[in-house]
Amino acid sequence: MEERDGHLFAEMSKRRHSVMPLTWRIVPPRHPSAQEKAMGDAATEWFSDLPEFETLLFNLLNAIGHGFAAVEIGWKQAENIWLPCAFYKRPQRWFQTATHNRNAIRLIDGSLDGAGLNPFGWLAASSPGQKRLGGGKRPVPGTGMDLSVQEYCRP
């Protein structure tokens, strides 16, 4: 739709670009141990070094208009630690919802419920303004800017 409607494209781009200048941080839990503080510092360093991190955020913000966005993660090993090395935006037409859970995003594979997303292979974001992903009418885009990112799409 965005490609066909210039006004819609402008509004959606404005919403996605408004988030880009915001700062982010990784916060350890309350009353962290020394190990948790060290893990938080390491995670901050890893996220700072991610390739095209801003592009990843922009792609996840595609959930604002579509109800969800899915990005596949490529991994590499560095110093005996597996780290993300690439992020691949995947179109919404690759996905379906499960018949037993209309909010579960699944890959279309020709089966009734589709294939589950590989653990730690995907980042999925959903817009809180979307009441549901599947069934019935097409969801109406919400105006909220915060996204809930599901933890690497565990099955």
Protein backbone atom coordinates (compact mmCIF):
# COMPACT_ATOMS: atom_id res chain seq x y z
CA MET A 1 0.00 0.00 0.00
CA GLU A 2 2.75 2.42 0.91
CA GLU A 3 4.31 2.09 -2.55
CA ARG A 4 1.00 3.05 -4.19
CA ASP A 5 -0.11 5.86 -1.88
CA GLY A 6 2.29 8.77 -1.49
CA HIS A 7 0.51 10.23 1.55
CA LEU A 8 0.49 6.89 3.37
CA PHE A 9 4.18 6.43 2.54
CA ALA A 10 4.99 9.88 3.95
CA GLU A 11 3.06 9.28 7.18
CA MET A 12 4.57 5.85 7.79
CA SER A 13 8.09 7.07 6.99
CA LYS A 14 7.62 9.98 9.37
CA ARG A 15 6.67 7.61 12.19
CA ARG A 16 9.56 5.23 11.53
CA HIS A 17 12.15 8.00 11.17
CA SER A 18 10.99 9.76 14.36
CA VAL A 19 12.35 6.86 16.43
CA MET A 20 15.81 6.77 14.86
CA PRO A 21 17.41 9.64 16.84
CA LEU A 22 16.36 8.16 20.19
CA THR A 23 19.10 6.69 22.35
CA TRP A 24 18.98 3.13 23.61
CA ARG A 25 20.65 1.27 26.45
CA ILE A 26 20.84 -2.18 28.00
CA VAL A 27 19.92 -2.10 31.65
CA PRO A 28 20.85 -4.89 34.08
CA PRO A 29 18.18 -6.10 36.52
CA ARG A 30 17.63 -4.44 39.87
CA HIS A 31 20.39 -5.13 42.38
CA PRO A 32 22.63 -6.84 39.79
CA SER A 33 25.48 -9.12 40.73
CA ALA A 34 28.98 -8.43 39.43
CA GLN A 35 28.43 -11.08 36.75
CA GLU A 36 25.15 -9.46 35.61
CA LYS A 37 26.84 -6.05 35.41
CA ALA A 38 29.65 -7.54 33.31
CA MET A 39 27.12 -9.29 31.05
CA GLY A 40 25.23 -6.02 30.60
CA ASP A 41 28.42 -4.18 29.66
CA ALA A 42 29.38 -6.95 27.21
CA ALA A 43 25.90 -6.93 25.65
CA THR A 44 26.08 -3.14 25.23
CA GLU A 45 29.41 -3.52 23.45
CA TRP A 46 28.05 -6.29 21.19
CA PHE A 47 24.96 -4.29 20.26
CA SER A 48 27.09 -1.22 19.56
CA ASP A 49 29.13 -3.27 17.09
CA LEU A 50 26.16 -4.80 15.27
CA PRO A 51 26.22 -4.16 11.52
CA GLU A 52 23.51 -1.76 10.38
CA PHE A 53 21.77 -1.63 13.75
CA GLU A 54 19.75 1.43 12.70
CA THR A 55 18.52 -0.43 9.61
CA LEU A 56 17.44 -3.31 11.84
CA LEU A 57 15.41 -0.93 14.02
CA PHE A 58 13.88 0.70 10.94
CA ASN A 59 12.87 -2.71 9.57
CA LEU A 60 11.32 -3.75 12.89
CA LEU A 61 9.34 -0.50 12.91
CA ASN A 62 7.59 -1.78 9.79
CA ALA A 63 5.28 -3.45 12.33
CA ILE A 64 3.57 -0.10 12.86
CA GLY A 65 1.68 -0.39 9.58
CA HIS A 66 1.57 -4.14 9.09
CA GLY A 67 0.87 -5.33 12.63
CA PHE A 68 4.13 -7.28 12.77
CA ALA A 69 7.58 -7.34 11.26
CA ALA A 70 9.99 -10.28 11.07
CA VAL A 71 13.73 -10.12 10.58
CA GLU A 72 15.88 -13.22 10.13
CA ILE A 73 19.18 -13.31 12.03
CA GLY A 74 22.48 -14.51 10.57
CA TRP A 75 25.04 -15.65 13.13
CA LYS A 76 28.85 -15.92 13.32
CA GLN A 77 31.23 -17.10 16.00
CA ALA A 78 33.79 -14.68 17.42
CA GLU A 79 36.01 -15.54 20.38
CA ASN A 80 33.86 -18.59 21.21
CA ILE A 81 30.72 -16.44 21.37
CA TRP A 82 27.93 -16.59 18.80
CA LEU A 83 27.00 -13.07 17.68
CA PRO A 84 24.52 -11.76 15.10
CA CYS A 85 26.34 -10.77 11.91
CA ALA A 86 23.49 -9.95 9.53
CA PHE A 87 19.77 -9.16 9.59
CA TYR A 88 17.46 -10.01 6.71
CA LYS A 89 14.12 -8.25 6.45
CA ARG A 90 11.46 -10.71 5.31
CA PRO A 91 8.17 -9.64 3.69
CA GLN A 92 4.89 -10.18 5.51
CA ARG A 93 3.63 -12.36 2.65
CA TRP A 94 6.04 -15.11 3.84
CA PHE A 95 4.04 -15.55 7.06
CA GLN A 96 0.68 -16.74 8.31
CA THR A 97 -0.99 -17.19 11.67
CA ALA A 98 -1.62 -20.53 13.33
CA THR A 99 -5.21 -21.76 13.48
CA HIS A 100 -4.98 -22.41 17.22
CA ASN A 101 -3.29 -19.07 18.05
CA ARG A 102 -4.07 -16.16 15.76
CA ASN A 103 -1.25 -14.08 17.25
CA ALA A 104 1.50 -16.62 16.53
CA ILE A 105 3.55 -15.76 13.43
CA ARG A 106 4.51 -18.83 11.38
CA LEU A 107 6.25 -19.36 8.05
CA ILE A 108 4.06 -20.44 5.17
CA ASP A 109 5.09 -23.97 4.18
CA GLY A 110 1.91 -25.36 2.63
CA SER A 111 0.64 -26.93 5.86
CA LEU A 112 -2.44 -25.75 7.73
CA ASP A 113 -0.55 -24.14 10.62
CA GLY A 114 2.71 -23.30 8.86
CA ALA A 115 6.22 -23.86 10.19
CA GLY A 116 7.42 -22.40 13.47
CA LEU A 117 10.22 -19.87 13.47
CA ASN A 118 13.61 -21.31 14.42
CA PRO A 119 14.63 -20.43 17.97
CA PHE A 120 17.18 -17.61 17.98
CA GLY A 121 16.79 -17.31 14.21
CA TRP A 122 14.30 -14.45 14.12
CA LEU A 123 13.43 -11.11 15.64
CA ALA A 124 9.72 -10.38 15.50
CA ALA A 125 8.08 -7.12 16.48
CA SER A 126 4.41 -6.43 16.87
CA SER A 127 2.67 -3.12 17.23
CA PRO A 128 0.66 -2.73 20.43
CA GLY A 129 -1.91 -0.75 18.42
CA GLN A 130 -2.78 -3.93 16.55
CA LYS A 131 -5.35 -5.87 18.51
CA ARG A 132 -4.75 -9.09 16.58
CA LEU A 133 -2.75 -10.32 13.64
CA GLY A 134 -5.03 -12.83 11.97
CA GLY A 135 -8.61 -13.63 11.23
CA GLY A 136 -11.50 -11.38 10.38
CA LYS A 137 -10.81 -7.88 9.17
CA ARG A 138 -7.43 -6.46 8.29
CA PRO A 139 -5.99 -4.74 11.37
CA VAL A 140 -6.00 -0.97 11.45
CA PRO A 141 -2.57 0.56 12.14
CA GLY A 142 -2.18 1.88 15.66
CA THR A 143 -0.70 5.20 16.55
CA GLY A 144 1.56 3.91 19.34
CA MET A 145 5.27 4.08 18.61
CA ASP A 146 6.52 1.50 21.09
CA LEU A 147 7.02 -2.00 19.81
CA SER A 148 7.24 -5.19 21.76
CA VAL A 149 10.04 -7.34 20.42
CA GLN A 150 9.54 -11.03 21.12
CA GLU A 151 12.64 -12.72 22.46
CA TYR A 152 14.20 -14.31 19.40
CA CYS A 153 10.91 -16.06 18.61
CA ARG A 154 11.09 -19.07 20.85
CA PRO A 155 8.56 -21.68 19.74
